[in-house]
Amino acid sequence: MKLDDYRETFYSYTGKASDISRQLAFAGIAIIWIFKKDLPGAGLTVPRELIVPGLLIVLALGFDLLQYCLGTVIWGGVLSTQRSRGNLRRC
């Protein structure tokens, strides 16, 4: 097995782990939505016990997005630097 094969396997598993954690976070938000209360005059309210878990779920999704945004910026900079040095050819 070549190093590139190991790298592709690694990327496959990390990508799948990210997809699953994102799906679980959305499922958590859906569960919290199921337990919301519709009080007349107060609008929609979430039970006090679910506020912290809900905030943590939203925070996890924010970090997931941040990971991809930072990766885009960092690898875009690396690509730009390598192209300006002549280390990469255009396809």
PDB file of N, CA and C in Angstrom:
ATOM      1  N   MET A   1       0.847  -1.179   0.000  1.00  0.00           N
ATOM      2  CA  MET A   1       0.000   0.000   0.000  1.00  0.00           C
ATOM      3  C   MET A   1       0.892   1.242   0.000  1.00  0.00           C
ATOM      4  N   LYS A   2       0.526   2.214  -0.821  1.00  0.00           N
ATOM      5  CA  LYS A   2       1.307   3.443  -0.930  1.00  0.00           C
ATOM      6  C   LYS A   2       0.833   4.458   0.099  1.00  0.00           C
ATOM      7  N   LEU A   3       1.672   5.451   0.339  1.00  0.00           N
ATOM      8  CA  LEU A   3       1.355   6.514   1.289  1.00  0.00           C
ATOM      9  C   LEU A   3       0.075   7.240   0.884  1.00  0.00           C
ATOM     10  N   ASP A   4      -0.110   7.446  -0.415  1.00  0.00           N
ATOM     11  CA  ASP A   4      -1.334   8.117  -0.890  1.00  0.00           C
ATOM     12  C   ASP A   4      -2.583   7.309  -0.551  1.00  0.00           C
ATOM     13  N   ASP A   5      -2.461   5.975  -0.569  1.00  0.00           N
ATOM     14  CA  ASP A   5      -3.606   5.136  -0.202  1.00  0.00           C
ATOM     15  C   ASP A   5      -3.965   5.313   1.268  1.00  0.00           C
ATOM     16  N   TYR A   6      -2.946   5.371   2.126  1.00  0.00           N
ATOM     17  CA  TYR A   6      -3.200   5.611   3.553  1.00  0.00           C
ATOM     18  C   TYR A   6      -3.841   6.978   3.773  1.00  0.00           C
ATOM     19  N   ARG A   7      -3.351   7.973   3.035  1.00  0.00           N
ATOM     20  CA  ARG A   7      -3.884   9.336   3.167  1.00  0.00           C
ATOM     21  C   ARG A   7      -5.345   9.382   2.736  1.00  0.00           C
ATOM     22  N   GLU A   8      -5.676   8.729   1.616  1.00  0.00           N
ATOM     23  CA  GLU A   8      -7.053   8.711   1.145  1.00  0.00           C
ATOM     24  C   GLU A   8      -7.976   8.002   2.132  1.00  0.00           C
ATOM     25  N   THR A   9      -7.486   6.926   2.737  1.00  0.00           N
ATOM     26  CA  THR A   9      -8.275   6.216   3.749  1.00  0.00           C
ATOM     27  C   THR A   9      -8.507   7.113   4.955  1.00  0.00           C
ATOM     28  N   PHE A  10      -7.463   7.820   5.379  1.00  0.00           N
ATOM     29  CA  PHE A  10      -7.572   8.755   6.495  1.00  0.00           C
ATOM     30  C   PHE A  10      -8.603   9.830   6.191  1.00  0.00           C
ATOM     31  N   TYR A  11      -8.533  10.419   4.999  1.00  0.00           N
ATOM     32  CA  TYR A  11      -9.483  11.460   4.612  1.00  0.00           C
ATOM     33  C   TYR A  11     -10.911  10.917   4.557  1.00  0.00           C
ATOM     34  N   SER A  12     -11.056   9.701   4.100  1.00  0.00           N
ATOM     35  CA  SER A  12     -12.374   9.075   4.030  1.00  0.00           C
ATOM     36  C   SER A  12     -12.988   8.939   5.418  1.00  0.00           C
ATOM     37  N   TYR A  13     -12.198   8.432   6.375  1.00  0.00           N
ATOM     38  CA  TYR A  13     -12.726   8.240   7.725  1.00  0.00           C
ATOM     39  C   TYR A  13     -12.979   9.559   8.442  1.00  0.00           C
ATOM     40  N   THR A  14     -12.100  10.532   8.301  1.00  0.00           N
ATOM     41  CA  THR A  14     -12.330  11.814   8.968  1.00  0.00           C
ATOM     42  C   THR A  14     -13.518  12.544   8.359  1.00  0.00           C
ATOM     43  N   GLY A  15     -13.694  12.449   7.049  1.00  0.00           N
ATOM     44  CA  GLY A  15     -14.846  13.068   6.405  1.00  0.00           C
ATOM     45  C   GLY A  15     -16.150  12.428   6.854  1.00  0.00           C
ATOM     46  N   LYS A  16     -16.137  11.105   6.965  1.00  0.00           N
ATOM     47  CA  LYS A  16     -17.336  10.393   7.418  1.00  0.00           C
ATOM     48  C   LYS A  16     -17.654  10.747   8.872  1.00  0.00           C
ATOM     49  N   ALA A  17     -16.631  10.837   9.727  1.00  0.00           N
ATOM     50  CA  ALA A  17     -16.846  11.211  11.129  1.00  0.00           C
ATOM     51  C   ALA A  17     -17.457  12.611  11.222  1.00  0.00           C
ATOM     52  N   SER A  18     -16.989  13.521  10.398  1.00  0.00           N
ATOM     53  CA  SER A  18     -17.542  14.876  10.388  1.00  0.00           C
ATOM     54  C   SER A  18     -18.996  14.866   9.928  1.00  0.00           C
ATOM     55  N   ASP A  19     -19.299  14.087   8.898  1.00  0.00           N
ATOM     56  CA  ASP A  19     -20.685  13.994   8.409  1.00  0.00           C
ATOM     57  C   ASP A  19     -21.615  13.445   9.478  1.00  0.00           C
ATOM     58  N   ILE A  20     -21.172  12.393  10.171  1.00  0.00           N
ATOM     59  CA  ILE A  20     -22.009  11.770  11.194  1.00  0.00           C
ATOM     60  C   ILE A  20     -22.223  12.710  12.372  1.00  0.00           C
ATOM     61  N   SER A  21     -21.172  13.400  12.804  1.00  0.00           N
ATOM     62  CA  SER A  21     -21.330  14.317  13.938  1.00  0.00           C
ATOM     63  C   SER A  21     -22.269  15.470  13.571  1.00  0.00           C
ATOM     64  N   ARG A  22     -22.217  15.919  12.335  1.00  0.00           N
ATOM     65  CA  ARG A  22     -23.116  16.980  11.885  1.00  0.00           C
ATOM     66  C   ARG A  22     -24.565  16.484  11.883  1.00  0.00           C
ATOM     67  N   GLN A  23     -24.785  15.264  11.416  1.00  0.00           N
ATOM     68  CA  GLN A  23     -26.133  14.697  11.415  1.00  0.00           C
ATOM     69  C   GLN A  23     -26.664  14.530  12.839  1.00  0.00           C
ATOM     70  N   LEU A  24     -25.794  14.108  13.751  1.00  0.00           N
ATOM     71  CA  LEU A  24     -26.213  13.969  15.150  1.00  0.00           C
ATOM     72  C   LEU A  24     -26.575  15.319  15.756  1.00  0.00           C
ATOM     73  N   ALA A  25     -25.822  16.359  15.406  1.00  0.00           N
ATOM     74  CA  ALA A  25     -26.123  17.692  15.922  1.00  0.00           C
ATOM     75  C   ALA A  25     -27.482  18.169  15.418  1.00  0.00           C
ATOM     76  N   PHE A  26     -27.759  17.951  14.140  1.00  0.00           N
ATOM     77  CA  PHE A  26     -29.072  18.340  13.611  1.00  0.00           C
ATOM     78  C   PHE A  26     -30.186  17.519  14.256  1.00  0.00           C
ATOM     79  N   ALA A  27     -29.919  16.248  14.533  1.00  0.00           N
ATOM     80  CA  ALA A  27     -30.913  15.422  15.219  1.00  0.00           C
ATOM     81  C   ALA A  27     -31.163  15.954  16.631  1.00  0.00           C
ATOM     82  N   GLY A  28     -30.108  16.416  17.307  1.00  0.00           N
ATOM     83  CA  GLY A  28     -30.262  17.008  18.634  1.00  0.00           C
ATOM     84  C   GLY A  28     -31.135  18.255  18.597  1.00  0.00           C
ATOM     85  N   ILE A  29     -30.934  19.081  17.587  1.00  0.00           N
ATOM     86  CA  ILE A  29     -31.772  20.275  17.441  1.00  0.00           C
ATOM     87  C   ILE A  29     -33.222  19.864  17.187  1.00  0.00           C
ATOM     88  N   ALA A  30     -33.422  18.828  16.397  1.00  0.00           N
ATOM     89  CA  ALA A  30     -34.784  18.355  16.126  1.00  0.00           C
ATOM     90  C   ALA A  30     -35.452  17.846  17.402  1.00  0.00           C
ATOM     91  N   ILE A  31     -34.707  17.142  18.233  1.00  0.00           N
ATOM     92  CA  ILE A  31     -35.270  16.645  19.493  1.00  0.00           C
ATOM     93  C   ILE A  31     -35.656  17.804  20.408  1.00  0.00           C
ATOM     94  N   ILE A  32     -34.797  18.808  20.472  1.00  0.00           N
ATOM     95  CA  ILE A  32     -35.119  19.988  21.281  1.00  0.00           C
ATOM     96  C   ILE A  32     -36.371  20.669  20.728  1.00  0.00           C
ATOM     97  N   TRP A  33     -36.502  20.718  19.410  1.00  0.00           N
ATOM     98  CA  TRP A  33     -37.670  21.335  18.783  1.00  0.00           C
ATOM     99  C   TRP A  33     -38.947  20.580  19.146  1.00  0.00           C
ATOM    100  N   ILE A  34     -38.842  19.261  19.259  1.00  0.00           N
ATOM    101  CA  ILE A  34     -40.014  18.451  19.618  1.00  0.00           C
ATOM    102  C   ILE A  34     -40.508  18.813  21.021  1.00  0.00           C
ATOM    103  N   PHE A  35     -39.582  19.107  21.949  1.00  0.00           N
ATOM    104  CA  PHE A  35     -39.954  19.391  23.333  1.00  0.00           C
ATOM    105  C   PHE A  35     -40.250  20.859  23.623  1.00  0.00           C
ATOM    106  N   LYS A  36     -40.274  21.694  22.606  1.00  0.00           N
ATOM    107  CA  LYS A  36     -40.583  23.113  22.816  1.00  0.00           C
ATOM    108  C   LYS A  36     -42.016  23.253  23.296  1.00  0.00           C
ATOM    109  N   LYS A  37     -42.299  24.342  23.942  1.00  0.00           N
ATOM    110  CA  LYS A  37     -43.646  24.622  24.450  1.00  0.00           C
ATOM    111  C   LYS A  37     -44.178  25.853  23.739  1.00  0.00           C
ATOM    112  N   ASP A  38     -45.415  25.795  23.375  1.00  0.00           N
ATOM    113  CA  ASP A  38     -46.073  26.928  22.734  1.00  0.00           C
ATOM    114  C   ASP A  38     -47.012  27.555  23.761  1.00  0.00           C
ATOM    115  N   LEU A  39     -46.532  28.612  24.420  1.00  0.00           N
ATOM    116  CA  LEU A  39     -47.321  29.270  25.461  1.00  0.00           C
ATOM    117  C   LEU A  39     -48.014  30.505  24.881  1.00  0.00           C
ATOM    118  N   PRO A  40     -49.297  30.662  25.140  1.00  0.00           N
ATOM    119  CA  PRO A  40     -50.010  31.846  24.642  1.00  0.00           C
ATOM    120  C   PRO A  40     -49.387  33.135  25.209  1.00  0.00           C
ATOM    121  N   GLY A  41     -49.109  34.045  24.338  1.00  0.00           N
ATOM    122  CA  GLY A  41     -48.551  35.328  24.761  1.00  0.00           C
ATOM    123  C   GLY A  41     -47.043  35.319  24.920  1.00  0.00           C
ATOM    124  N   ALA A  42     -46.452  34.157  25.130  1.00  0.00           N
ATOM    125  CA  ALA A  42     -45.007  34.080  25.327  1.00  0.00           C
ATOM    126  C   ALA A  42     -44.303  33.545  24.084  1.00  0.00           C
ATOM    127  N   GLY A  43     -45.054  33.034  23.132  1.00  0.00           N
ATOM    128  CA  GLY A  43     -44.450  32.457  21.930  1.00  0.00           C
ATOM    129  C   GLY A  43     -43.874  31.090  22.226  1.00  0.00           C
ATOM    130  N   LEU A  44     -42.899  30.723  21.456  1.00  0.00           N
ATOM    131  CA  LEU A  44     -42.269  29.421  21.631  1.00  0.00           C
ATOM    132  C   LEU A  44     -41.198  29.498  22.717  1.00  0.00           C
ATOM    133  N   THR A  45     -41.219  28.540  23.621  1.00  0.00           N
ATOM    134  CA  THR A  45     -40.188  28.476  24.651  1.00  0.00           C
ATOM    135  C   THR A  45     -39.609  27.072  24.686  1.00  0.00           C
ATOM    136  N   VAL A  46     -38.361  27.000  25.054  1.00  0.00           N
ATOM    137  CA  VAL A  46     -37.644  25.732  25.177  1.00  0.00           C
ATOM    138  C   VAL A  46     -37.500  25.434  26.665  1.00  0.00           C
ATOM    139  N   PRO A  47     -37.714  24.189  27.079  1.00  0.00           N
ATOM    140  CA  PRO A  47     -37.529  23.856  28.491  1.00  0.00           C
ATOM    141  C   PRO A  47     -36.125  24.233  28.964  1.00  0.00           C
ATOM    142  N   ARG A  48     -36.056  24.721  30.173  1.00  0.00           N
ATOM    143  CA  ARG A  48     -34.802  25.207  30.747  1.00  0.00           C
ATOM    144  C   ARG A  48     -33.698  24.148  30.688  1.00  0.00           C
ATOM    145  N   GLU A  49     -34.057  22.878  30.855  1.00  0.00           N
ATOM    146  CA  GLU A  49     -33.070  21.800  30.862  1.00  0.00           C
ATOM    147  C   GLU A  49     -32.425  21.583  29.502  1.00  0.00           C
ATOM    148  N   LEU A  50     -33.047  22.085  28.450  1.00  0.00           N
ATOM    149  CA  LEU A  50     -32.531  21.854  27.097  1.00  0.00           C
ATOM    150  C   LEU A  50     -31.789  23.057  26.516  1.00  0.00           C
ATOM    151  N   ILE A  51     -31.723  24.145  27.256  1.00  0.00           N
ATOM    152  CA  ILE A  51     -31.051  25.339  26.731  1.00  0.00           C
ATOM    153  C   ILE A  51     -29.550  25.117  26.588  1.00  0.00           C
ATOM    154  N   VAL A  52     -28.905  24.615  27.631  1.00  0.00           N
ATOM    155  CA  VAL A  52     -27.451  24.398  27.564  1.00  0.00           C
ATOM    156  C   VAL A  52     -27.097  23.360  26.499  1.00  0.00           C
ATOM    157  N   PRO A  53     -27.771  22.191  26.457  1.00  0.00           N
ATOM    158  CA  PRO A  53     -27.461  21.254  25.381  1.00  0.00           C
ATOM    159  C   PRO A  53     -27.679  21.861  23.993  1.00  0.00           C
ATOM    160  N   GLY A  54     -28.732  22.665  23.839  1.00  0.00           N
ATOM    161  CA  GLY A  54     -28.983  23.312  22.559  1.00  0.00           C
ATOM    162  C   GLY A  54     -27.874  24.267  22.167  1.00  0.00           C
ATOM    163  N   LEU A  55     -27.410  25.046  23.129  1.00  0.00           N
ATOM    164  CA  LEU A  55     -26.302  25.970  22.846  1.00  0.00           C
ATOM    165  C   LEU A  55     -25.025  25.216  22.488  1.00  0.00           C
ATOM    166  N   LEU A  56     -24.770  24.106  23.175  1.00  0.00           N
ATOM    167  CA  LEU A  56     -23.585  23.304  22.864  1.00  0.00           C
ATOM    168  C   LEU A  56     -23.674  22.677  21.469  1.00  0.00           C
ATOM    169  N   ILE A  57     -24.872  22.267  21.091  1.00  0.00           N
ATOM    170  CA  ILE A  57     -25.059  21.705  19.751  1.00  0.00           C
ATOM    171  C   ILE A  57     -24.808  22.770  18.688  1.00  0.00           C
ATOM    172  N   VAL A  58     -25.363  23.959  18.893  1.00  0.00           N
ATOM    173  CA  VAL A  58     -25.147  25.050  17.942  1.00  0.00           C
ATOM    174  C   VAL A  58     -23.664  25.434  17.902  1.00  0.00           C
ATOM    175  N   LEU A  59     -23.009  25.429  19.044  1.00  0.00           N
ATOM    176  CA  LEU A  59     -21.570  25.716  19.103  1.00  0.00           C
ATOM    177  C   LEU A  59     -20.776  24.668  18.322  1.00  0.00           C
ATOM    178  N   ALA A  60     -21.154  23.402  18.456  1.00  0.00           N
ATOM    179  CA  ALA A  60     -20.475  22.335  17.712  1.00  0.00           C
ATOM    180  C   ALA A  60     -20.634  22.529  16.207  1.00  0.00           C
ATOM    181  N   LEU A  61     -21.827  22.905  15.780  1.00  0.00           N
ATOM    182  CA  LEU A  61     -22.043  23.169  14.356  1.00  0.00           C
ATOM    183  C   LEU A  61     -21.244  24.384  13.890  1.00  0.00           C
ATOM    184  N   GLY A  62     -21.139  25.390  14.748  1.00  0.00           N
ATOM    185  CA  GLY A  62     -20.327  26.568  14.414  1.00  0.00           C
ATOM    186  C   GLY A  62     -18.863  26.213  14.256  1.00  0.00           C
ATOM    187  N   PHE A  63     -18.347  25.366  15.145  1.00  0.00           N
ATOM    188  CA  PHE A  63     -16.954  24.928  15.022  1.00  0.00           C
ATOM    189  C   PHE A  63     -16.743  24.069  13.782  1.00  0.00           C
ATOM    190  N   ASP A  64     -17.737  23.276  13.425  1.00  0.00           N
ATOM    191  CA  ASP A  64     -17.640  22.471  12.211  1.00  0.00           C
ATOM    192  C   ASP A  64     -17.525  23.382  10.990  1.00  0.00           C
ATOM    193  N   LEU A  65     -18.352  24.415  10.945  1.00  0.00           N
ATOM    194  CA  LEU A  65     -18.279  25.382   9.852  1.00  0.00           C
ATOM    195  C   LEU A  65     -16.943  26.120   9.867  1.00  0.00           C
ATOM    196  N   LEU A  66     -16.497  26.528  11.051  1.00  0.00           N
ATOM    197  CA  LEU A  66     -15.224  27.237  11.182  1.00  0.00           C
ATOM    198  C   LEU A  66     -14.058  26.392  10.677  1.00  0.00           C
ATOM    199  N   GLN A  67     -14.101  25.097  10.961  1.00  0.00           N
ATOM    200  CA  GLN A  67     -13.047  24.195  10.500  1.00  0.00           C
ATOM    201  C   GLN A  67     -12.938  24.233   8.975  1.00  0.00           C
ATOM    202  N   TYR A  68     -14.065  24.171   8.293  1.00  0.00           N
ATOM    203  CA  TYR A  68     -14.038  24.179   6.831  1.00  0.00           C
ATOM    204  C   TYR A  68     -13.656  25.545   6.281  1.00  0.00           C
ATOM    205  N   CYS A  69     -14.117  26.614   6.915  1.00  0.00           N
ATOM    206  CA  CYS A  69     -13.750  27.955   6.451  1.00  0.00           C
ATOM    207  C   CYS A  69     -12.258  28.215   6.616  1.00  0.00           C
ATOM    208  N   LEU A  70     -11.711  27.862   7.784  1.00  0.00           N
ATOM    209  CA  LEU A  70     -10.276  28.052   7.997  1.00  0.00           C
ATOM    210  C   LEU A  70      -9.455  27.173   7.067  1.00  0.00           C
ATOM    211  N   GLY A  71      -9.910  25.946   6.857  1.00  0.00           N
ATOM    212  CA  GLY A  71      -9.217  25.056   5.924  1.00  0.00           C
ATOM    213  C   GLY A  71      -9.181  25.629   4.525  1.00  0.00           C
ATOM    214  N   THR A  72     -10.283  26.240   4.108  1.00  0.00           N
ATOM    215  CA  THR A  72     -10.346  26.867   2.789  1.00  0.00           C
ATOM    216  C   THR A  72      -9.359  28.018   2.681  1.00  0.00           C
ATOM    217  N   VAL A  73      -9.316  28.863   3.699  1.00  0.00           N
ATOM    218  CA  VAL A  73      -8.409  30.016   3.686  1.00  0.00           C
ATOM    219  C   VAL A  73      -6.951  29.555   3.717  1.00  0.00           C
ATOM    220  N   ILE A  74      -6.641  28.610   4.605  1.00  0.00           N
ATOM    221  CA  ILE A  74      -5.257  28.149   4.744  1.00  0.00           C
ATOM    222  C   ILE A  74      -4.777  27.461   3.476  1.00  0.00           C
ATOM    223  N   TRP A  75      -5.563  26.511   2.963  1.00  0.00           N
ATOM    224  CA  TRP A  75      -5.124  25.784   1.769  1.00  0.00           C
ATOM    225  C   TRP A  75      -5.156  26.659   0.532  1.00  0.00           C
ATOM    226  N   GLY A  76      -6.046  27.655   0.498  1.00  0.00           N
ATOM    227  CA  GLY A  76      -6.019  28.617  -0.598  1.00  0.00           C
ATOM    228  C   GLY A  76      -4.732  29.425  -0.589  1.00  0.00           C
ATOM    229  N   GLY A  77      -4.280  29.807   0.617  1.00  0.00           N
ATOM    230  CA  GLY A  77      -3.008  30.525   0.736  1.00  0.00           C
ATOM    231  C   GLY A  77      -1.823  29.667   0.336  1.00  0.00           C
ATOM    232  N   VAL A  78      -1.848  28.402   0.742  1.00  0.00           N
ATOM    233  CA  VAL A  78      -0.760  27.485   0.368  1.00  0.00           C
ATOM    234  C   VAL A  78      -0.729  27.310  -1.149  1.00  0.00           C
ATOM    235  N   LEU A  79      -1.889  27.115  -1.738  1.00  0.00           N
ATOM    236  CA  LEU A  79      -1.965  26.952  -3.188  1.00  0.00           C
ATOM    237  C   LEU A  79      -1.450  28.191  -3.912  1.00  0.00           C
ATOM    238  N   SER A  80      -1.871  29.365  -3.446  1.00  0.00           N
ATOM    239  CA  SER A  80      -1.432  30.607  -4.066  1.00  0.00           C
ATOM    240  C   SER A  80       0.084  30.790  -3.946  1.00  0.00           C
ATOM    241  N   THR A  81       0.626  30.473  -2.771  1.00  0.00           N
ATOM    242  CA  THR A  81       2.076  30.586  -2.555  1.00  0.00           C
ATOM    243  C   THR A  81       2.837  29.628  -3.453  1.00  0.00           C
ATOM    244  N   GLN A  82       2.370  28.411  -3.546  1.00  0.00           N
ATOM    245  CA  GLN A  82       3.060  27.415  -4.366  1.00  0.00           C
ATOM    246  C   GLN A  82       2.990  27.778  -5.848  1.00  0.00           C
ATOM    247  N   ARG A  83       1.857  28.307  -6.283  1.00  0.00           N
ATOM    248  CA  ARG A  83       1.745  28.726  -7.689  1.00  0.00           C
ATOM    249  C   ARG A  83       2.673  29.890  -7.992  1.00  0.00           C
ATOM    250  N   SER A  84       2.756  30.854  -7.060  1.00  0.00           N
ATOM    251  CA  SER A  84       3.618  32.020  -7.307  1.00  0.00           C
ATOM    252  C   SER A  84       5.090  31.628  -7.302  1.00  0.00           C
ATOM    253  N   ARG A  85       5.453  30.569  -6.608  1.00  0.00           N
ATOM    254  CA  ARG A  85       6.836  30.076  -6.608  1.00  0.00           C
ATOM    255  C   ARG A  85       7.114  29.171  -7.814  1.00  0.00           C
ATOM    256  N   GLY A  86       6.084  28.848  -8.551  1.00  0.00           N
ATOM    257  CA  GLY A  86       6.267  27.989  -9.710  1.00  0.00           C
ATOM    258  C   GLY A  86       6.328  26.516  -9.377  1.00  0.00           C
ATOM    259  N   ASN A  87       5.886  26.143  -8.181  1.00  0.00           N
ATOM    260  CA  ASN A  87       5.947  24.733  -7.768  1.00  0.00           C
ATOM    261  C   ASN A  87       4.764  23.927  -8.276  1.00  0.00           C
ATOM    262  N   LEU A  88       3.721  24.597  -8.752  1.00  0.00           N
ATOM    263  CA  LEU A  88       2.540  23.903  -9.248  1.00  0.00           C
ATOM    264  C   LEU A  88       2.285  24.312 -10.672  1.00  0.00           C
ATOM    265  N   ARG A  89       1.815  23.350 -11.434  1.00  0.00           N
ATOM    266  CA  ARG A  89       1.428  23.645 -12.821  1.00  0.00           C
ATOM    267  C   ARG A  89      -0.076  23.617 -12.913  1.00  0.00           C
ATOM    268  N   ARG A  90      -0.591  24.417 -13.818  1.00  0.00           N
ATOM    269  CA  ARG A  90      -2.034  24.391 -14.066  1.00  0.00           C
ATOM    270  C   ARG A  90      -2.350  23.167 -14.910  1.00  0.00           C
ATOM    271  N   CYS A  91      -3.494  22.584 -14.629  1.00  0.00           N
ATOM    272  CA  CYS A  91      -3.911  21.381 -15.373  1.00  0.00           C
ATOM    273  C   CYS A  91      -4.468  21.749 -16.711  1.00  0.00           C
TER     274      CYS A  91
END
